[in-house]
Amino acid sequence: MNFKPLHILTMCALFPAVSATASETLTFGPVVLHEGARFEVCANSKYATYDINVTASFVRLKNSKAIVREARLDPGEGGCFKLTYEQAGNSPVFAALEVSGEPGDTDIIASAAVINGIFELTKPQLLIQDEGRPIATTFGPVKIPEGKRIEVCANNWKSEYETNITVNFYRAGNSLEPILTRDRTLEPGEGGCTSISQARAGKGAVFAELITWPVEPGFSNPKPVSGAFVINGIFEEPLSPQVRFLQFEY
């Protein structure tokens, strides 16, 4: 069953979260859709005591343009939002569920998947503050199929400040020196991707590291939305993230 939307908007700016006692945001992806596929996000308010507000955003990674939908859910009510290939095109997109309600009621049951005959689940990530510290998000290790690549993407969503990021690719057998390093500064709402091919990485397992640097030490800011996937020409296999706070050093 799909949600009964209160309203549907296609926006170039972010839709403001509903003011409430408590709020939480989960992100899924990014993913790339192929013709005939759709990106579907589902949620249920099983553990809520009161009604909650849910805002679902499908956000283009490059520039944060979004399709936004909102619903009010009674306890135990739920449904799904979807984004089709015709709406998304070939560009990476991520989904976000912003939940607001009474304390404890924002702990919803939620998942997302790319559906096109193959059911590809994407692991949810809680949108967090960086606490003024660098954060390393790692993906893998994984062996890249011949002729394919790993792509790591990030978007400086929800931030009012530019953010510096570093992407490193390492061999699983020896991570003392990266195979490839890329640095980039993301303006608010800006995003992009970095990839490594099997030809560059070799036949052994590799993993990716995305470091998001704080605006300045001790100044807390929303962590950029990030994700990675293996591109094999048929579908994109999302890689599960692992998040670690690091000691500050340049």
C-alpha atoms as a PDB file:
ATOM      1  CA  MET A   1       0.000   0.000   0.000  1.00  0.00           C
ATOM      2  CA  ASN A   2       1.322   3.434  -0.905  1.00  0.00           C
ATOM      3  CA  PHE A   3       1.166   6.379   1.466  1.00  0.00           C
ATOM      4  CA  LYS A   4      -1.690   8.819   1.010  1.00  0.00           C
ATOM      5  CA  PRO A   5       0.364  11.968   0.379  1.00  0.00           C
ATOM      6  CA  LEU A   6      -0.718  15.256   1.885  1.00  0.00           C
ATOM      7  CA  HIS A   7       0.948  16.983  -1.047  1.00  0.00           C
ATOM      8  CA  ILE A   8       3.576  16.294  -3.702  1.00  0.00           C
ATOM      9  CA  LEU A   9       6.192  18.836  -4.720  1.00  0.00           C
ATOM     10  CA  THR A  10       9.052  18.835  -7.215  1.00  0.00           C
ATOM     11  CA  MET A  11      11.637  21.207  -5.797  1.00  0.00           C
ATOM     12  CA  CYS A  12      15.018  22.741  -6.490  1.00  0.00           C
ATOM     13  CA  ALA A  13      15.450  23.511  -2.775  1.00  0.00           C
ATOM     14  CA  LEU A  14      15.107  21.335   0.293  1.00  0.00           C
ATOM     15  CA  PHE A  15      11.676  20.953   1.868  1.00  0.00           C
ATOM     16  CA  PRO A  16      11.760  22.196   5.492  1.00  0.00           C
ATOM     17  CA  ALA A  17      11.191  19.563   8.165  1.00  0.00           C
ATOM     18  CA  VAL A  18       7.997  19.874  10.172  1.00  0.00           C
ATOM     19  CA  SER A  19       8.653  21.475  13.549  1.00  0.00           C
ATOM     20  CA  ALA A  20       8.098  18.944  16.318  1.00  0.00           C
ATOM     21  CA  THR A  21       9.414  17.759  19.658  1.00  0.00           C
ATOM     22  CA  ALA A  22      11.839  15.231  18.149  1.00  0.00           C
ATOM     23  CA  SER A  23      13.163  14.456  14.682  1.00  0.00           C
ATOM     24  CA  GLU A  24      15.368  11.931  12.920  1.00  0.00           C
ATOM     25  CA  THR A  25      16.586  11.506   9.355  1.00  0.00           C
ATOM     26  CA  LEU A  26      17.523   8.261   7.603  1.00  0.00           C
ATOM     27  CA  THR A  27      19.237   8.223   4.198  1.00  0.00           C
ATOM     28  CA  PHE A  28      19.422   5.437   1.614  1.00  0.00           C
ATOM     29  CA  GLY A  29      21.789   5.165  -1.346  1.00  0.00           C
ATOM     30  CA  PRO A  30      22.898   6.781  -3.560  1.00  0.00           C
ATOM     31  CA  VAL A  31      21.790   4.497  -6.385  1.00  0.00           C
ATOM     32  CA  VAL A  32      21.631   4.697 -10.171  1.00  0.00           C
ATOM     33  CA  LEU A  33      18.483   3.464 -11.894  1.00  0.00           C
ATOM     34  CA  HIS A  34      18.171   1.702 -15.228  1.00  0.00           C
ATOM     35  CA  GLU A  35      15.214   1.854 -17.597  1.00  0.00           C
ATOM     36  CA  GLY A  36      12.234   0.061 -16.093  1.00  0.00           C
ATOM     37  CA  ALA A  37      13.587   0.218 -12.525  1.00  0.00           C
ATOM     38  CA  ARG A  38      12.301   2.160  -9.540  1.00  0.00           C
ATOM     39  CA  PHE A  39      13.720   3.229  -6.182  1.00  0.00           C
ATOM     40  CA  GLU A  40      11.257   2.412  -3.410  1.00  0.00           C
ATOM     41  CA  VAL A  41      11.349   3.500   0.238  1.00  0.00           C
ATOM     42  CA  CYS A  42       8.957   1.917   2.728  1.00  0.00           C
ATOM     43  CA  ALA A  43       8.219   2.742   6.370  1.00  0.00           C
ATOM     44  CA  ASN A  44       5.880   1.810   9.219  1.00  0.00           C
ATOM     45  CA  SER A  45       5.177   3.542  12.545  1.00  0.00           C
ATOM     46  CA  LYS A  46       4.764   0.294  14.509  1.00  0.00           C
ATOM     47  CA  TYR A  47       6.375   1.628  17.702  1.00  0.00           C
ATOM     48  CA  ALA A  48       4.826   5.105  17.729  1.00  0.00           C
ATOM     49  CA  THR A  49       2.397   6.119  20.475  1.00  0.00           C
ATOM     50  CA  TYR A  50       1.101   9.213  18.681  1.00  0.00           C
ATOM     51  CA  ASP A  51       0.826  10.209  15.038  1.00  0.00           C
ATOM     52  CA  ILE A  52       4.081  11.166  13.280  1.00  0.00           C
ATOM     53  CA  ASN A  53       5.005  13.207  10.226  1.00  0.00           C
ATOM     54  CA  VAL A  54       7.169  11.623   7.514  1.00  0.00           C
ATOM     55  CA  THR A  55       8.854  13.553   4.709  1.00  0.00           C
ATOM     56  CA  ALA A  56      10.374  11.442   1.925  1.00  0.00           C
ATOM     57  CA  SER A  57      12.885  13.148  -0.364  1.00  0.00           C
ATOM     58  CA  PHE A  58      14.440  11.679  -3.502  1.00  0.00           C
ATOM     59  CA  VAL A  59      17.493  13.877  -4.023  1.00  0.00           C
ATOM     60  CA  ARG A  60      19.709  14.220  -7.107  1.00  0.00           C
ATOM     61  CA  LEU A  61      23.243  13.731  -5.810  1.00  0.00           C
ATOM     62  CA  LYS A  62      24.904  16.324  -8.032  1.00  0.00           C
ATOM     63  CA  ASN A  63      22.852  19.381  -7.091  1.00  0.00           C
ATOM     64  CA  SER A  64      20.273  18.367  -4.417  1.00  0.00           C
ATOM     65  CA  LYS A  65      17.241  18.932  -6.647  1.00  0.00           C
ATOM     66  CA  ALA A  66      14.524  16.819  -5.061  1.00  0.00           C
ATOM     67  CA  ILE A  67      11.107  15.268  -5.380  1.00  0.00           C
ATOM     68  CA  VAL A  68       9.519  15.535  -1.947  1.00  0.00           C
ATOM     69  CA  ARG A  69       6.460  13.827  -0.498  1.00  0.00           C
ATOM     70  CA  GLU A  70       4.933  14.156   2.956  1.00  0.00           C
ATOM     71  CA  ALA A  71       2.536  11.976   4.964  1.00  0.00           C
ATOM     72  CA  ARG A  72       1.064  11.892   8.458  1.00  0.00           C
ATOM     73  CA  LEU A  73       0.940   8.390   9.939  1.00  0.00           C
ATOM     74  CA  ASP A  74      -1.126   7.036  12.804  1.00  0.00           C
ATOM     75  CA  PRO A  75       0.508   4.397  15.069  1.00  0.00           C
ATOM     76  CA  GLY A  76       1.011   1.192  13.087  1.00  0.00           C
ATOM     77  CA  GLU A  77       0.321   2.849   9.731  1.00  0.00           C
ATOM     78  CA  GLY A  78       2.771   2.812   6.846  1.00  0.00           C
ATOM     79  CA  GLY A  79       3.398   2.418   3.163  1.00  0.00           C
ATOM     80  CA  CYS A  80       5.891   3.127   0.376  1.00  0.00           C
ATOM     81  CA  PHE A  81       7.197   6.020  -1.685  1.00  0.00           C
ATOM     82  CA  LYS A  82       8.719   5.379  -5.106  1.00  0.00           C
ATOM     83  CA  LEU A  83      10.886   7.117  -7.691  1.00  0.00           C
ATOM     84  CA  THR A  84      10.866   5.819 -11.269  1.00  0.00           C
ATOM     85  CA  TYR A  85      13.673   5.807 -13.811  1.00  0.00           C
ATOM     86  CA  GLU A  86      11.700   8.334 -15.879  1.00  0.00           C
ATOM     87  CA  GLN A  87      11.839  10.737 -12.923  1.00  0.00           C
ATOM     88  CA  ALA A  88      15.455  10.076 -11.951  1.00  0.00           C
ATOM     89  CA  GLY A  89      17.239   9.556 -15.259  1.00  0.00           C
ATOM     90  CA  ASN A  90      20.790   8.163 -15.285  1.00  0.00           C
ATOM     91  CA  SER A  91      22.167  10.351 -12.483  1.00  0.00           C
ATOM     92  CA  PRO A  92      22.841   9.065  -8.945  1.00  0.00           C
ATOM     93  CA  VAL A  93      20.083   9.804  -6.443  1.00  0.00           C
ATOM     94  CA  PHE A  94      19.632   9.145  -2.745  1.00  0.00           C
ATOM     95  CA  ALA A  95      16.519   8.955  -0.602  1.00  0.00           C
ATOM     96  CA  ALA A  96      15.908  10.500   2.809  1.00  0.00           C
ATOM     97  CA  LEU A  97      13.161   9.900   5.368  1.00  0.00           C
ATOM     98  CA  GLU A  98      12.739  12.767   7.818  1.00  0.00           C
ATOM     99  CA  VAL A  99      10.539  11.779  10.746  1.00  0.00           C
ATOM    100  CA  SER A 100       9.161  14.149  13.372  1.00  0.00           C
ATOM    101  CA  GLY A 101       6.975  13.461  16.395  1.00  0.00           C
ATOM    102  CA  GLU A 102       7.078  12.887  20.133  1.00  0.00           C
ATOM    103  CA  PRO A 103      10.334  11.587  21.696  1.00  0.00           C
ATOM    104  CA  GLY A 104      10.674   7.871  20.954  1.00  0.00           C
ATOM    105  CA  ASP A 105       8.076   7.962  18.194  1.00  0.00           C
ATOM    106  CA  THR A 106      10.659   8.762  15.488  1.00  0.00           C
ATOM    107  CA  ASP A 107      12.113   5.230  15.674  1.00  0.00           C
ATOM    108  CA  ILE A 108      10.322   3.943  12.593  1.00  0.00           C
ATOM    109  CA  ILE A 109      10.729   0.688  10.689  1.00  0.00           C
ATOM    110  CA  ALA A 110      12.151   1.573   7.268  1.00  0.00           C
ATOM    111  CA  SER A 111      13.952   0.112   4.268  1.00  0.00           C
ATOM    112  CA  ALA A 112      14.687   0.962   0.649  1.00  0.00           C
ATOM    113  CA  ALA A 113      15.340  -1.077  -2.464  1.00  0.00           C
ATOM    114  CA  VAL A 114      15.951  -0.789  -6.194  1.00  0.00           C
ATOM    115  CA  ILE A 115      13.272  -2.910  -7.855  1.00  0.00           C
ATOM    116  CA  ASN A 116      13.616  -4.237 -11.391  1.00  0.00           C
ATOM    117  CA  GLY A 117      13.227  -7.996 -11.239  1.00  0.00           C
ATOM    118  CA  ILE A 118      16.251  -7.991  -8.879  1.00  0.00           C
ATOM    119  CA  PHE A 119      15.568  -6.805  -5.335  1.00  0.00           C
ATOM    120  CA  GLU A 120      18.560  -4.707  -4.230  1.00  0.00           C
ATOM    121  CA  LEU A 121      18.416  -3.503  -0.639  1.00  0.00           C
ATOM    122  CA  THR A 122      20.264  -0.364   0.439  1.00  0.00           C
ATOM    123  CA  LYS A 123      21.336  -0.050   4.065  1.00  0.00           C
ATOM    124  CA  PRO A 124      19.915   2.963   5.928  1.00  0.00           C
ATOM    125  CA  GLN A 125      22.271   5.547   7.419  1.00  0.00           C
ATOM    126  CA  LEU A 126      21.336   7.914  10.222  1.00  0.00           C
ATOM    127  CA  LEU A 127      22.084  11.527   9.314  1.00  0.00           C
ATOM    128  CA  ILE A 128      24.454  12.652  12.079  1.00  0.00           C
ATOM    129  CA  GLN A 129      26.495  15.669  13.140  1.00  0.00           C
ATOM    130  CA  ASP A 130      30.272  15.381  12.706  1.00  0.00           C
ATOM    131  CA  GLU A 131      30.906  16.888  16.182  1.00  0.00           C
ATOM    132  CA  GLY A 132      33.715  18.940  14.628  1.00  0.00           C
ATOM    133  CA  ARG A 133      35.756  15.809  13.894  1.00  0.00           C
ATOM    134  CA  PRO A 134      36.764  13.953  10.709  1.00  0.00           C
ATOM    135  CA  ILE A 135      34.611  10.934   9.900  1.00  0.00           C
ATOM    136  CA  ALA A 136      35.796   7.940   7.877  1.00  0.00           C
ATOM    137  CA  THR A 137      33.123   5.945   6.057  1.00  0.00           C
ATOM    138  CA  THR A 138      34.465   2.728   4.537  1.00  0.00           C
ATOM    139  CA  PHE A 139      32.939   0.425   1.911  1.00  0.00           C
ATOM    140  CA  GLY A 140      34.064  -3.116   1.232  1.00  0.00           C
ATOM    141  CA  PRO A 141      36.481  -4.895   0.870  1.00  0.00           C
ATOM    142  CA  VAL A 142      35.196  -6.336  -2.390  1.00  0.00           C
ATOM    143  CA  LYS A 143      36.665  -7.814  -5.562  1.00  0.00           C
ATOM    144  CA  ILE A 144      35.724  -5.722  -8.580  1.00  0.00           C
ATOM    145  CA  PRO A 145      34.451  -7.793 -11.537  1.00  0.00           C
ATOM    146  CA  GLU A 146      36.523  -7.545 -14.697  1.00  0.00           C
ATOM    147  CA  GLY A 147      35.633  -4.476 -16.713  1.00  0.00           C
ATOM    148  CA  LYS A 148      33.647  -2.908 -13.852  1.00  0.00           C
ATOM    149  CA  ARG A 149      34.325  -0.278 -11.188  1.00  0.00           C
ATOM    150  CA  ILE A 150      33.531   0.895  -7.657  1.00  0.00           C
ATOM    151  CA  GLU A 151      31.990   4.353  -7.418  1.00  0.00           C
ATOM    152  CA  VAL A 152      31.920   6.402  -4.193  1.00  0.00           C
ATOM    153  CA  CYS A 153      29.540   9.349  -3.985  1.00  0.00           C
ATOM    154  CA  ALA A 154      28.871  12.149  -1.490  1.00  0.00           C
ATOM    155  CA  ASN A 155      26.540  15.129  -1.222  1.00  0.00           C
ATOM    156  CA  ASN A 156      26.906  18.061   1.178  1.00  0.00           C
ATOM    157  CA  TRP A 157      23.208  17.903   2.096  1.00  0.00           C
ATOM    158  CA  LYS A 158      21.696  19.870   5.006  1.00  0.00           C
ATOM    159  CA  SER A 159      24.889  21.904   5.505  1.00  0.00           C
ATOM    160  CA  GLU A 160      25.206  25.675   5.200  1.00  0.00           C
ATOM    161  CA  TYR A 161      28.988  25.467   4.790  1.00  0.00           C
ATOM    162  CA  GLU A 162      31.405  24.037   2.256  1.00  0.00           C
ATOM    163  CA  THR A 163      32.907  20.682   3.228  1.00  0.00           C
ATOM    164  CA  ASN A 164      36.212  19.094   2.213  1.00  0.00           C
ATOM    165  CA  ILE A 165      36.205  15.378   1.464  1.00  0.00           C
ATOM    166  CA  THR A 166      38.915  12.844   0.622  1.00  0.00           C
ATOM    167  CA  VAL A 167      38.313   9.530  -1.144  1.00  0.00           C
ATOM    168  CA  ASN A 168      40.963   6.801  -0.851  1.00  0.00           C
ATOM    169  CA  PHE A 169      40.987   3.343  -2.409  1.00  0.00           C
ATOM    170  CA  TYR A 170      43.131   0.679  -0.720  1.00  0.00           C
ATOM    171  CA  ARG A 171      44.105  -2.924  -1.342  1.00  0.00           C
ATOM    172  CA  ALA A 172      42.650  -5.147   1.384  1.00  0.00           C
ATOM    173  CA  GLY A 173      45.994  -6.930   1.752  1.00  0.00           C
ATOM    174  CA  ASN A 174      47.939  -3.719   2.502  1.00  0.00           C
ATOM    175  CA  SER A 175      46.306  -0.387   3.322  1.00  0.00           C
ATOM    176  CA  LEU A 176      49.455   1.575   4.217  1.00  0.00           C
ATOM    177  CA  GLU A 177      49.361   3.469   0.925  1.00  0.00           C
ATOM    178  CA  PRO A 178      46.246   4.154  -1.185  1.00  0.00           C
ATOM    179  CA  ILE A 179      45.977   3.000  -4.778  1.00  0.00           C
ATOM    180  CA  LEU A 180      44.138   6.196  -5.640  1.00  0.00           C
ATOM    181  CA  THR A 181      43.335   9.417  -3.738  1.00  0.00           C
ATOM    182  CA  ARG A 182      40.980  12.233  -4.692  1.00  0.00           C
ATOM    183  CA  ASP A 183      40.269  15.458  -2.766  1.00  0.00           C
ATOM    184  CA  ARG A 184      37.280  17.711  -3.353  1.00  0.00           C
ATOM    185  CA  THR A 185      35.464  20.657  -1.785  1.00  0.00           C
ATOM    186  CA  LEU A 186      31.669  20.437  -1.841  1.00  0.00           C
ATOM    187  CA  GLU A 187      29.551  23.577  -1.627  1.00  0.00           C
ATOM    188  CA  PRO A 188      26.266  23.338   0.317  1.00  0.00           C
ATOM    189  CA  GLY A 189      23.957  20.968  -1.574  1.00  0.00           C
ATOM    190  CA  GLU A 190      26.702  19.980  -4.038  1.00  0.00           C
ATOM    191  CA  GLY A 191      27.715  16.386  -4.678  1.00  0.00           C
ATOM    192  CA  GLY A 192      29.846  14.172  -6.867  1.00  0.00           C
ATOM    193  CA  CYS A 193      31.376  10.740  -7.345  1.00  0.00           C
ATOM    194  CA  THR A 194      34.837   9.167  -7.600  1.00  0.00           C
ATOM    195  CA  SER A 195      35.487   5.731  -9.068  1.00  0.00           C
ATOM    196  CA  ILE A 196      38.189   3.131  -9.532  1.00  0.00           C
ATOM    197  CA  SER A 197      38.188   0.469 -12.225  1.00  0.00           C
ATOM    198  CA  GLN A 198      39.112  -3.187 -11.946  1.00  0.00           C
ATOM    199  CA  ALA A 199      41.982  -2.503 -14.350  1.00  0.00           C
ATOM    200  CA  ARG A 200      43.427   0.054 -11.891  1.00  0.00           C
ATOM    201  CA  ALA A 201      42.607  -1.864  -8.692  1.00  0.00           C
ATOM    202  CA  GLY A 202      43.743  -5.322  -9.824  1.00  0.00           C
ATOM    203  CA  LYS A 203      42.252  -8.737  -9.098  1.00  0.00           C
ATOM    204  CA  GLY A 204      42.529  -8.625  -5.294  1.00  0.00           C
ATOM    205  CA  ALA A 205      39.945  -7.236  -2.890  1.00  0.00           C
ATOM    206  CA  VAL A 206      39.893  -3.480  -2.348  1.00  0.00           C
ATOM    207  CA  PHE A 207      37.994  -1.101  -0.112  1.00  0.00           C
ATOM    208  CA  ALA A 208      37.089   2.572  -0.318  1.00  0.00           C
ATOM    209  CA  GLU A 209      37.490   5.210   2.393  1.00  0.00           C
ATOM    210  CA  LEU A 210      35.586   8.496   2.330  1.00  0.00           C
ATOM    211  CA  ILE A 211      36.849  11.054   4.858  1.00  0.00           C
ATOM    212  CA  THR A 212      34.637  14.063   5.525  1.00  0.00           C
ATOM    213  CA  TRP A 213      36.554  16.917   7.142  1.00  0.00           C
ATOM    214  CA  PRO A 214      34.845  19.302   9.579  1.00  0.00           C
ATOM    215  CA  VAL A 215      34.355  22.979   8.829  1.00  0.00           C
ATOM    216  CA  GLU A 216      36.748  23.614  11.721  1.00  0.00           C
ATOM    217  CA  PRO A 217      37.771  21.618  14.792  1.00  0.00           C
ATOM    218  CA  GLY A 218      35.007  21.510  17.388  1.00  0.00           C
ATOM    219  CA  PHE A 219      32.373  23.097  15.100  1.00  0.00           C
ATOM    220  CA  SER A 220      29.646  20.509  14.584  1.00  0.00           C
ATOM    221  CA  ASN A 221      28.018  20.250  11.147  1.00  0.00           C
ATOM    222  CA  PRO A 222      25.823  17.655   9.398  1.00  0.00           C
ATOM    223  CA  LYS A 223      27.855  14.798   7.935  1.00  0.00           C
ATOM    224  CA  PRO A 224      27.554  14.631   4.123  1.00  0.00           C
ATOM    225  CA  VAL A 225      25.340  11.900   2.724  1.00  0.00           C
ATOM    226  CA  SER A 226      27.562   9.229   1.167  1.00  0.00           C
ATOM    227  CA  GLY A 227      27.404   5.814  -0.433  1.00  0.00           C
ATOM    228  CA  ALA A 228      29.200   3.443  -2.775  1.00  0.00           C
ATOM    229  CA  PHE A 229      28.275   0.750  -5.251  1.00  0.00           C
ATOM    230  CA  VAL A 230      29.771  -1.658  -7.766  1.00  0.00           C
ATOM    231  CA  ILE A 231      28.800  -0.757 -11.328  1.00  0.00           C
ATOM    232  CA  ASN A 232      28.563  -3.818 -13.530  1.00  0.00           C
ATOM    233  CA  GLY A 233      26.508  -2.569 -16.466  1.00  0.00           C
ATOM    234  CA  ILE A 234      23.309  -4.394 -15.479  1.00  0.00           C
ATOM    235  CA  PHE A 235      22.573  -3.149 -11.972  1.00  0.00           C
ATOM    236  CA  GLU A 236      24.359  -1.274  -9.223  1.00  0.00           C
ATOM    237  CA  GLU A 237      25.240  -3.342  -6.149  1.00  0.00           C
ATOM    238  CA  PRO A 238      25.188  -1.065  -3.068  1.00  0.00           C
ATOM    239  CA  LEU A 239      28.029  -1.549  -0.578  1.00  0.00           C
ATOM    240  CA  SER A 240      27.300  -1.374   3.162  1.00  0.00           C
ATOM    241  CA  PRO A 241      28.940   1.580   4.958  1.00  0.00           C
ATOM    242  CA  GLN A 242      30.942   1.493   8.198  1.00  0.00           C
ATOM    243  CA  VAL A 243      31.320   4.827  10.013  1.00  0.00           C
ATOM    244  CA  ARG A 244      34.145   5.839  12.383  1.00  0.00           C
ATOM    245  CA  PHE A 245      35.034   9.121  14.082  1.00  0.00           C
ATOM    246  CA  LEU A 246      38.742   9.960  13.713  1.00  0.00           C
ATOM    247  CA  GLN A 247      41.239  12.054  15.644  1.00  0.00           C
ATOM    248  CA  PHE A 248      41.625  15.454  14.014  1.00  0.00           C
ATOM    249  CA  GLU A 249      44.736  15.785  11.893  1.00  0.00           C
ATOM    250  CA  TYR A 250      45.570  17.214   8.470  1.00  0.00           C
END
